[in-house]
PDB file of N, CA and C in Angstrom:
ATOM      1  N   MET A   1     -25.592 -20.332 -63.490  1.00  0.00           N
ATOM      2  CA  MET A   1     -26.755 -20.883 -62.856  1.00  0.00           C
ATOM      3  C   MET A   1     -26.892 -20.292 -61.453  1.00  0.00           C
ATOM      4  N   ILE A   2     -28.042 -19.807 -61.128  1.00  0.00           N
ATOM      5  CA  ILE A   2     -28.306 -19.259 -59.797  1.00  0.00           C
ATOM      6  C   ILE A   2     -28.635 -20.419 -58.861  1.00  0.00           C
ATOM      7  N   VAL A   3     -27.954 -20.465 -57.712  1.00  0.00           N
ATOM      8  CA  VAL A   3     -28.203 -21.529 -56.743  1.00  0.00           C
ATOM      9  C   VAL A   3     -28.748 -21.000 -55.423  1.00  0.00           C
ATOM     10  N   GLY A   4     -28.882 -19.699 -55.305  1.00  0.00           N
ATOM     11  CA  GLY A   4     -29.406 -19.082 -54.099  1.00  0.00           C
ATOM     12  C   GLY A   4     -29.320 -17.573 -54.227  1.00  0.00           C
ATOM     13  N   GLU A   5     -29.732 -16.868 -53.190  1.00  0.00           N
ATOM     14  CA  GLU A   5     -29.683 -15.416 -53.219  1.00  0.00           C
ATOM     15  C   GLU A   5     -28.232 -14.940 -53.332  1.00  0.00           C
ATOM     16  N   ASP A   6     -27.921 -14.250 -54.402  1.00  0.00           N
ATOM     17  CA  ASP A   6     -26.561 -13.764 -54.676  1.00  0.00           C
ATOM     18  C   ASP A   6     -25.538 -14.890 -54.766  1.00  0.00           C
ATOM     19  N   LYS A   7     -25.968 -16.119 -55.016  1.00  0.00           N
ATOM     20  CA  LYS A   7     -25.057 -17.252 -55.092  1.00  0.00           C
ATOM     21  C   LYS A   7     -25.226 -17.934 -56.446  1.00  0.00           C
ATOM     22  N   TYR A   8     -24.099 -18.191 -57.095  1.00  0.00           N
ATOM     23  CA  TYR A   8     -24.111 -18.732 -58.446  1.00  0.00           C
ATOM     24  C   TYR A   8     -23.130 -19.886 -58.561  1.00  0.00           C
ATOM     25  N   SER A   9     -23.335 -20.706 -59.574  1.00  0.00           N
ATOM     26  CA  SER A   9     -22.421 -21.797 -59.873  1.00  0.00           C
ATOM     27  C   SER A   9     -22.226 -21.849 -61.376  1.00  0.00           C
ATOM     28  N   ILE A  10     -20.999 -22.085 -61.792  1.00  0.00           N
ATOM     29  CA  ILE A  10     -20.688 -22.204 -63.205  1.00  0.00           C
ATOM     30  C   ILE A  10     -19.739 -23.374 -63.380  1.00  0.00           C
ATOM     31  N   ALA A  11     -19.962 -24.170 -64.418  1.00  0.00           N
ATOM     32  CA  ALA A  11     -19.073 -25.287 -64.735  1.00  0.00           C
ATOM     33  C   ALA A  11     -18.611 -25.114 -66.174  1.00  0.00           C
ATOM     34  N   VAL A  12     -17.305 -25.196 -66.371  1.00  0.00           N
ATOM     35  CA  VAL A  12     -16.717 -25.055 -67.696  1.00  0.00           C
ATOM     36  C   VAL A  12     -15.802 -26.244 -67.935  1.00  0.00           C
ATOM     37  N   SER A  13     -15.993 -26.907 -69.065  1.00  0.00           N
ATOM     38  CA  SER A  13     -15.174 -28.062 -69.401  1.00  0.00           C
ATOM     39  C   SER A  13     -14.172 -27.702 -70.480  1.00  0.00           C
ATOM     40  N   GLY A  14     -12.929 -28.080 -70.246  1.00  0.00           N
ATOM     41  CA  GLY A  14     -11.891 -27.823 -71.225  1.00  0.00           C
ATOM     42  C   GLY A  14     -11.102 -29.073 -71.544  1.00  0.00           C
ATOM     43  N   GLY A  15     -11.456 -30.167 -70.914  1.00  0.00           N
ATOM     44  CA  GLY A  15     -10.664 -31.376 -71.082  1.00  0.00           C
ATOM     45  C   GLY A  15      -9.389 -31.254 -70.263  1.00  0.00           C
ATOM     46  N   ASP A  16      -8.781 -32.376 -69.951  1.00  0.00           N
ATOM     47  CA  ASP A  16      -7.596 -32.372 -69.099  1.00  0.00           C
ATOM     48  C   ASP A  16      -6.471 -31.501 -69.644  1.00  0.00           C
ATOM     49  N   GLU A  17      -6.302 -31.464 -70.956  1.00  0.00           N
ATOM     50  CA  GLU A  17      -5.214 -30.678 -71.530  1.00  0.00           C
ATOM     51  C   GLU A  17      -5.528 -29.183 -71.579  1.00  0.00           C
ATOM     52  N   LYS A  18      -6.770 -28.799 -71.350  1.00  0.00           N
ATOM     53  CA  LYS A  18      -7.142 -27.387 -71.416  1.00  0.00           C
ATOM     54  C   LYS A  18      -7.781 -26.905 -70.119  1.00  0.00           C
ATOM     55  N   ILE A  19      -7.390 -27.496 -69.009  1.00  0.00           N
ATOM     56  CA  ILE A  19      -7.981 -27.138 -67.723  1.00  0.00           C
ATOM     57  C   ILE A  19      -7.709 -25.683 -67.364  1.00  0.00           C
ATOM     58  N   VAL A  20      -6.529 -25.181 -67.704  1.00  0.00           N
ATOM     59  CA  VAL A  20      -6.200 -23.786 -67.400  1.00  0.00           C
ATOM     60  C   VAL A  20      -7.118 -22.855 -68.172  1.00  0.00           C
ATOM     61  N   GLU A  21      -7.390 -23.189 -69.418  1.00  0.00           N
ATOM     62  CA  GLU A  21      -8.305 -22.381 -70.231  1.00  0.00           C
ATOM     63  C   GLU A  21      -9.722 -22.415 -69.665  1.00  0.00           C
ATOM     64  N   ALA A  22     -10.172 -23.584 -69.231  1.00  0.00           N
ATOM     65  CA  ALA A  22     -11.506 -23.705 -68.639  1.00  0.00           C
ATOM     66  C   ALA A  22     -11.616 -22.863 -67.378  1.00  0.00           C
ATOM     67  N   LYS A  23     -10.559 -22.874 -66.566  1.00  0.00           N
ATOM     68  CA  LYS A  23     -10.551 -22.086 -65.336  1.00  0.00           C
ATOM     69  C   LYS A  23     -10.623 -20.592 -65.656  1.00  0.00           C
ATOM     70  N   LYS A  24      -9.862 -20.166 -66.646  1.00  0.00           N
ATOM     71  CA  LYS A  24      -9.867 -18.762 -67.055  1.00  0.00           C
ATOM     72  C   LYS A  24     -11.255 -18.342 -67.526  1.00  0.00           C
ATOM     73  N   ILE A  25     -11.906 -19.188 -68.318  1.00  0.00           N
ATOM     74  CA  ILE A  25     -13.250 -18.891 -68.815  1.00  0.00           C
ATOM     75  C   ILE A  25     -14.236 -18.799 -67.656  1.00  0.00           C
ATOM     76  N   ALA A  26     -14.161 -19.739 -66.722  1.00  0.00           N
ATOM     77  CA  ALA A  26     -15.079 -19.742 -65.574  1.00  0.00           C
ATOM     78  C   ALA A  26     -14.951 -18.462 -64.757  1.00  0.00           C
ATOM     79  N   TYR A  27     -13.706 -18.067 -64.465  1.00  0.00           N
ATOM     80  CA  TYR A  27     -13.496 -16.850 -63.681  1.00  0.00           C
ATOM     81  C   TYR A  27     -13.907 -15.603 -64.458  1.00  0.00           C
ATOM     82  N   THR A  28     -13.646 -15.585 -65.745  1.00  0.00           N
ATOM     83  CA  THR A  28     -14.040 -14.434 -66.570  1.00  0.00           C
ATOM     84  C   THR A  28     -15.553 -14.277 -66.577  1.00  0.00           C
ATOM     85  N   GLU A  29     -16.264 -15.387 -66.784  1.00  0.00           N
ATOM     86  CA  GLU A  29     -17.734 -15.328 -66.808  1.00  0.00           C
ATOM     87  C   GLU A  29     -18.301 -14.954 -65.446  1.00  0.00           C
ATOM     88  N   ALA A  30     -17.711 -15.478 -64.383  1.00  0.00           N
ATOM     89  CA  ALA A  30     -18.180 -15.157 -63.034  1.00  0.00           C
ATOM     90  C   ALA A  30     -17.958 -13.676 -62.727  1.00  0.00           C
ATOM     91  N   ASN A  31     -16.762 -13.178 -63.050  1.00  0.00           N
ATOM     92  CA  ASN A  31     -16.478 -11.761 -62.831  1.00  0.00           C
ATOM     93  C   ASN A  31     -17.410 -10.871 -63.641  1.00  0.00           C
ATOM     94  N   GLN A  32     -17.704 -11.273 -64.869  1.00  0.00           N
ATOM     95  CA  GLN A  32     -18.590 -10.484 -65.725  1.00  0.00           C
ATOM     96  C   GLN A  32     -20.013 -10.446 -65.160  1.00  0.00           C
ATOM     97  N   GLU A  33     -20.472 -11.582 -64.650  1.00  0.00           N
ATOM     98  CA  GLU A  33     -21.811 -11.636 -64.048  1.00  0.00           C
ATOM     99  C   GLU A  33     -21.921 -10.628 -62.904  1.00  0.00           C
ATOM    100  N   CYS A  34     -20.916 -10.614 -62.042  1.00  0.00           N
ATOM    101  CA  CYS A  34     -20.940  -9.690 -60.912  1.00  0.00           C
ATOM    102  C   CYS A  34     -20.780  -8.243 -61.381  1.00  0.00           C
ATOM    103  N   ALA A  35     -19.887  -8.002 -62.336  1.00  0.00           N
ATOM    104  CA  ALA A  35     -19.672  -6.647 -62.853  1.00  0.00           C
ATOM    105  C   ALA A  35     -20.954  -6.103 -63.481  1.00  0.00           C
ATOM    106  N   ASN A  36     -21.706  -6.948 -64.158  1.00  0.00           N
ATOM    107  CA  ASN A  36     -22.974  -6.525 -64.762  1.00  0.00           C
ATOM    108  C   ASN A  36     -23.969  -6.051 -63.709  1.00  0.00           C
ATOM    109  N   GLN A  37     -23.811  -6.547 -62.496  1.00  0.00           N
ATOM    110  CA  GLN A  37     -24.675  -6.154 -61.384  1.00  0.00           C
ATOM    111  C   GLN A  37     -24.071  -5.004 -60.579  1.00  0.00           C
ATOM    112  N   GLY A  38     -22.863  -4.571 -60.966  1.00  0.00           N
ATOM    113  CA  GLY A  38     -22.175  -3.521 -60.216  1.00  0.00           C
ATOM    114  C   GLY A  38     -21.645  -4.022 -58.893  1.00  0.00           C
ATOM    115  N   LYS A  39     -21.303  -5.319 -58.845  1.00  0.00           N
ATOM    116  CA  LYS A  39     -20.858  -5.929 -57.595  1.00  0.00           C
ATOM    117  C   LYS A  39     -19.503  -6.593 -57.767  1.00  0.00           C
ATOM    118  N   GLU A  40     -18.957  -7.074 -56.650  1.00  0.00           N
ATOM    119  CA  GLU A  40     -17.667  -7.771 -56.608  1.00  0.00           C
ATOM    120  C   GLU A  40     -17.914  -9.269 -56.466  1.00  0.00           C
ATOM    121  N   ILE A  41     -16.985 -10.049 -56.988  1.00  0.00           N
ATOM    122  CA  ILE A  41     -17.090 -11.503 -56.870  1.00  0.00           C
ATOM    123  C   ILE A  41     -16.449 -11.982 -55.570  1.00  0.00           C
ATOM    124  N   LEU A  42     -17.089 -12.941 -54.948  1.00  0.00           N
ATOM    125  CA  LEU A  42     -16.527 -13.642 -53.804  1.00  0.00           C
ATOM    126  C   LEU A  42     -16.608 -15.124 -54.141  1.00  0.00           C
ATOM    127  N   VAL A  43     -15.468 -15.750 -54.390  1.00  0.00           N
ATOM    128  CA  VAL A  43     -15.440 -17.164 -54.722  1.00  0.00           C
ATOM    129  C   VAL A  43     -15.654 -17.971 -53.448  1.00  0.00           C
ATOM    130  N   LEU A  44     -16.649 -18.843 -53.479  1.00  0.00           N
ATOM    131  CA  LEU A  44     -16.938 -19.698 -52.329  1.00  0.00           C
ATOM    132  C   LEU A  44     -16.213 -21.029 -52.435  1.00  0.00           C
ATOM    133  N   SER A  45     -16.169 -21.572 -53.644  1.00  0.00           N
ATOM    134  CA  SER A  45     -15.443 -22.825 -53.846  1.00  0.00           C
ATOM    135  C   SER A  45     -15.082 -22.992 -55.315  1.00  0.00           C
ATOM    136  N   GLU A  46     -14.024 -23.722 -55.510  1.00  0.00           N
ATOM    137  CA  GLU A  46     -13.580 -24.079 -56.852  1.00  0.00           C
ATOM    138  C   GLU A  46     -13.145 -25.528 -56.799  1.00  0.00           C
ATOM    139  N   SER A  47     -13.632 -26.318 -57.710  1.00  0.00           N
ATOM    140  CA  SER A  47     -13.193 -27.700 -57.746  1.00  0.00           C
ATOM    141  C   SER A  47     -13.018 -28.160 -59.180  1.00  0.00           C
ATOM    142  N   ARG A  48     -12.066 -29.027 -59.347  1.00  0.00           N
ATOM    143  CA  ARG A  48     -11.832 -29.643 -60.649  1.00  0.00           C
ATOM    144  C   ARG A  48     -12.532 -30.991 -60.599  1.00  0.00           C
ATOM    145  N   VAL A  49     -13.484 -31.144 -61.475  1.00  0.00           N
ATOM    146  CA  VAL A  49     -14.245 -32.395 -61.501  1.00  0.00           C
ATOM    147  C   VAL A  49     -13.922 -33.143 -62.782  1.00  0.00           C
ATOM    148  N   ARG A  50     -14.607 -34.175 -63.028  1.00  0.00           N
ATOM    149  CA  ARG A  50     -14.316 -35.102 -64.124  1.00  0.00           C
ATOM    150  C   ARG A  50     -13.859 -34.461 -65.430  1.00  0.00           C
ATOM    151  N   TYR A  51     -12.868 -35.051 -66.017  1.00  0.00           N
ATOM    152  CA  TYR A  51     -12.394 -34.717 -67.362  1.00  0.00           C
ATOM    153  C   TYR A  51     -12.093 -33.243 -67.578  1.00  0.00           C
ATOM    154  N   GLY A  52     -11.461 -32.638 -66.614  1.00  0.00           N
ATOM    155  CA  GLY A  52     -11.008 -31.268 -66.806  1.00  0.00           C
ATOM    156  C   GLY A  52     -12.084 -30.214 -66.721  1.00  0.00           C
ATOM    157  N   THR A  53     -13.126 -30.470 -65.971  1.00  0.00           N
ATOM    158  CA  THR A  53     -14.191 -29.495 -65.776  1.00  0.00           C
ATOM    159  C   THR A  53     -13.952 -28.735 -64.481  1.00  0.00           C
ATOM    160  N   ILE A  54     -14.044 -27.423 -64.560  1.00  0.00           N
ATOM    161  CA  ILE A  54     -13.942 -26.564 -63.381  1.00  0.00           C
ATOM    162  C   ILE A  54     -15.358 -26.220 -62.928  1.00  0.00           C
ATOM    163  N   ASP A  55     -15.627 -26.404 -61.659  1.00  0.00           N
ATOM    164  CA  ASP A  55     -16.912 -26.035 -61.068  1.00  0.00           C
ATOM    165  C   ASP A  55     -16.635 -24.907 -60.081  1.00  0.00           C
ATOM    166  N   LEU A  56     -17.182 -23.738 -60.355  1.00  0.00           N
ATOM    167  CA  LEU A  56     -16.932 -22.541 -59.559  1.00  0.00           C
ATOM    168  C   LEU A  56     -18.235 -22.074 -58.928  1.00  0.00           C
ATOM    169  N   THR A  57     -18.235 -21.912 -57.616  1.00  0.00           N
ATOM    170  CA  THR A  57     -19.392 -21.375 -56.904  1.00  0.00           C
ATOM    171  C   THR A  57     -18.973 -20.036 -56.318  1.00  0.00           C
ATOM    172  N   PHE A  58     -19.810 -19.015 -56.532  1.00  0.00           N
ATOM    173  CA  PHE A  58     -19.435 -17.666 -56.117  1.00  0.00           C
ATOM    174  C   PHE A  58     -20.664 -16.854 -55.755  1.00  0.00           C
ATOM    175  N   ARG A  59     -20.412 -15.732 -55.106  1.00  0.00           N
ATOM    176  CA  ARG A  59     -21.454 -14.767 -54.780  1.00  0.00           C
ATOM    177  C   ARG A  59     -21.093 -13.439 -55.406  1.00  0.00           C
ATOM    178  N   CYS A  60     -22.096 -12.637 -55.679  1.00  0.00           N
ATOM    179  CA  CYS A  60     -21.910 -11.264 -56.145  1.00  0.00           C
ATOM    180  C   CYS A  60     -22.353 -10.350 -55.011  1.00  0.00           C
ATOM    181  N   LEU A  61     -21.403  -9.590 -54.472  1.00  0.00           N
ATOM    182  CA  LEU A  61     -21.672  -8.766 -53.301  1.00  0.00           C
ATOM    183  C   LEU A  61     -21.319  -7.310 -53.564  1.00  0.00           C
ATOM    184  N   ASP A  62     -21.953  -6.422 -52.812  1.00  0.00           N
ATOM    185  CA  ASP A  62     -21.599  -5.014 -52.884  1.00  0.00           C
ATOM    186  C   ASP A  62     -20.149  -4.833 -52.463  1.00  0.00           C
ATOM    187  N   LYS A  63     -19.493  -3.839 -53.024  1.00  0.00           N
ATOM    188  CA  LYS A  63     -18.065  -3.617 -52.757  1.00  0.00           C
ATOM    189  C   LYS A  63     -17.754  -3.388 -51.288  1.00  0.00           C
ATOM    190  N   ASP A  64     -18.700  -2.850 -50.543  1.00  0.00           N
ATOM    191  CA  ASP A  64     -18.462  -2.581 -49.126  1.00  0.00           C
ATOM    192  C   ASP A  64     -18.979  -3.702 -48.212  1.00  0.00           C
ATOM    193  N   ASP A  65     -19.412  -4.802 -48.780  1.00  0.00           N
ATOM    194  CA  ASP A  65     -19.917  -5.927 -47.994  1.00  0.00           C
ATOM    195  C   ASP A  65     -18.760  -6.558 -47.210  1.00  0.00           C
ATOM    196  N   PRO A  66     -18.936  -6.768 -45.906  1.00  0.00           N
ATOM    197  CA  PRO A  66     -17.867  -7.348 -45.089  1.00  0.00           C
ATOM    198  C   PRO A  66     -17.456  -8.756 -45.536  1.00  0.00           C
ATOM    199  N   GLU A  67     -18.323  -9.469 -46.214  1.00  0.00           N
ATOM    200  CA  GLU A  67     -17.997 -10.812 -46.690  1.00  0.00           C
ATOM    201  C   GLU A  67     -16.888 -10.799 -47.739  1.00  0.00           C
ATOM    202  N   ILE A  68     -16.670  -9.657 -48.399  1.00  0.00           N
ATOM    203  CA  ILE A  68     -15.613  -9.551 -49.405  1.00  0.00           C
ATOM    204  C   ILE A  68     -14.251  -9.822 -48.759  1.00  0.00           C
ATOM    205  N   GLN A  69     -14.125  -9.567 -47.471  1.00  0.00           N
ATOM    206  CA  GLN A  69     -12.863  -9.784 -46.761  1.00  0.00           C
ATOM    207  C   GLN A  69     -12.721 -11.217 -46.254  1.00  0.00           C
ATOM    208  N   LYS A  70     -13.608 -12.097 -46.698  1.00  0.00           N
ATOM    209  CA  LYS A  70     -13.619 -13.489 -46.250  1.00  0.00           C
ATOM    210  C   LYS A  70     -12.285 -14.193 -46.518  1.00  0.00           C
ATOM    211  N   THR A  71     -11.987 -15.186 -45.701  1.00  0.00           N
ATOM    212  CA  THR A  71     -10.768 -15.976 -45.826  1.00  0.00           C
ATOM    213  C   THR A  71     -10.681 -16.612 -47.207  1.00  0.00           C
ATOM    214  N   PRO A  72      -9.481 -16.682 -47.799  1.00  0.00           N
ATOM    215  CA  PRO A  72      -9.319 -17.310 -49.116  1.00  0.00           C
ATOM    216  C   PRO A  72      -9.823 -18.745 -49.146  1.00  0.00           C
ATOM    217  N   VAL A  73     -10.216 -19.175 -50.319  1.00  0.00           N
ATOM    218  CA  VAL A  73     -10.780 -20.505 -50.536  1.00  0.00           C
ATOM    219  C   VAL A  73      -9.685 -21.470 -50.973  1.00  0.00           C
ATOM    220  N   LYS A  74      -9.732 -22.692 -50.501  1.00  0.00           N
ATOM    221  CA  LYS A  74      -8.801 -23.719 -50.969  1.00  0.00           C
ATOM    222  C   LYS A  74      -9.445 -24.466 -52.128  1.00  0.00           C
ATOM    223  N   GLU A  75      -8.647 -24.711 -53.132  1.00  0.00           N
ATOM    224  CA  GLU A  75      -9.099 -25.490 -54.274  1.00  0.00           C
ATOM    225  C   GLU A  75      -9.217 -26.935 -53.812  1.00  0.00           C
ATOM    226  N   LYS A  76     -10.338 -27.566 -54.057  1.00  0.00           N
ATOM    227  CA  LYS A  76     -10.628 -28.880 -53.498  1.00  0.00           C
ATOM    228  C   LYS A  76      -9.691 -29.987 -53.970  1.00  0.00           C
ATOM    229  N   ASP A  77      -9.268 -29.966 -55.222  1.00  0.00           N
ATOM    230  CA  ASP A  77      -8.522 -31.112 -55.706  1.00  0.00           C
ATOM    231  C   ASP A  77      -7.015 -31.004 -55.520  1.00  0.00           C
ATOM    232  N   SER A  78      -6.476 -29.822 -55.295  1.00  0.00           N
ATOM    233  CA  SER A  78      -5.028 -29.728 -55.218  1.00  0.00           C
ATOM    234  C   SER A  78      -4.511 -29.040 -53.962  1.00  0.00           C
ATOM    235  N   GLY A  79      -5.376 -28.438 -53.177  1.00  0.00           N
ATOM    236  CA  GLY A  79      -4.940 -27.733 -51.988  1.00  0.00           C
ATOM    237  C   GLY A  79      -4.274 -26.392 -52.284  1.00  0.00           C
ATOM    238  N   VAL A  80      -4.384 -25.914 -53.512  1.00  0.00           N
ATOM    239  CA  VAL A  80      -3.803 -24.634 -53.869  1.00  0.00           C
ATOM    240  C   VAL A  80      -4.607 -23.534 -53.212  1.00  0.00           C
ATOM    241  N   LEU A  81      -3.938 -22.619 -52.571  1.00  0.00           N
ATOM    242  CA  LEU A  81      -4.594 -21.501 -51.905  1.00  0.00           C
ATOM    243  C   LEU A  81      -4.822 -20.382 -52.885  1.00  0.00           C
ATOM    244  N   ILE A  82      -6.064 -19.926 -52.991  1.00  0.00           N
ATOM    245  CA  ILE A  82      -6.406 -18.801 -53.860  1.00  0.00           C
ATOM    246  C   ILE A  82      -6.610 -17.615 -52.953  1.00  0.00           C
ATOM    247  N   GLU A  83      -5.768 -16.623 -53.076  1.00  0.00           N
ATOM    248  CA  GLU A  83      -5.823 -15.480 -52.191  1.00  0.00           C
ATOM    249  C   GLU A  83      -6.219 -14.231 -52.959  1.00  0.00           C
ATOM    250  N   ASP A  84      -7.164 -13.498 -52.417  1.00  0.00           N
ATOM    251  CA  ASP A  84      -7.635 -12.257 -53.023  1.00  0.00           C
ATOM    252  C   ASP A  84      -6.679 -11.139 -52.601  1.00  0.00           C
ATOM    253  N   GLN A  85      -6.009 -10.510 -53.551  1.00  0.00           N
ATOM    254  CA  GLN A  85      -5.029  -9.470 -53.271  1.00  0.00           C
ATOM    255  C   GLN A  85      -5.590  -8.056 -53.432  1.00  0.00           C
ATOM    256  N   ARG A  86      -6.912  -7.930 -53.642  1.00  0.00           N
ATOM    257  CA  ARG A  86      -7.486  -6.593 -53.802  1.00  0.00           C
ATOM    258  C   ARG A  86      -7.335  -5.792 -52.538  1.00  0.00           C
ATOM    259  N   GLN A  87      -7.150  -4.507 -52.702  1.00  0.00           N
ATOM    260  CA  GLN A  87      -7.029  -3.599 -51.558  1.00  0.00           C
ATOM    261  C   GLN A  87      -8.249  -2.731 -51.450  1.00  0.00           C
TER     262      GLN A  87
END
């Protein structure tokens, strides 16, 4: 779902026992959306909401966009730090 210019949101439900699978699907779909545009993904937020649903908000940016170097995002429900290791 498009929520703004170059800004998207995706929610994937896997149930509490399949939250890892839901997260994998959300990131795969988000990465594919950006790749289809020839761009890189920048995750703005990730949250686990009711009943094992992952809500991912991201932007698709050009590879040389300075925003790609943005500070890592904290996962809202657990405080887990997601760090981008791309060089």
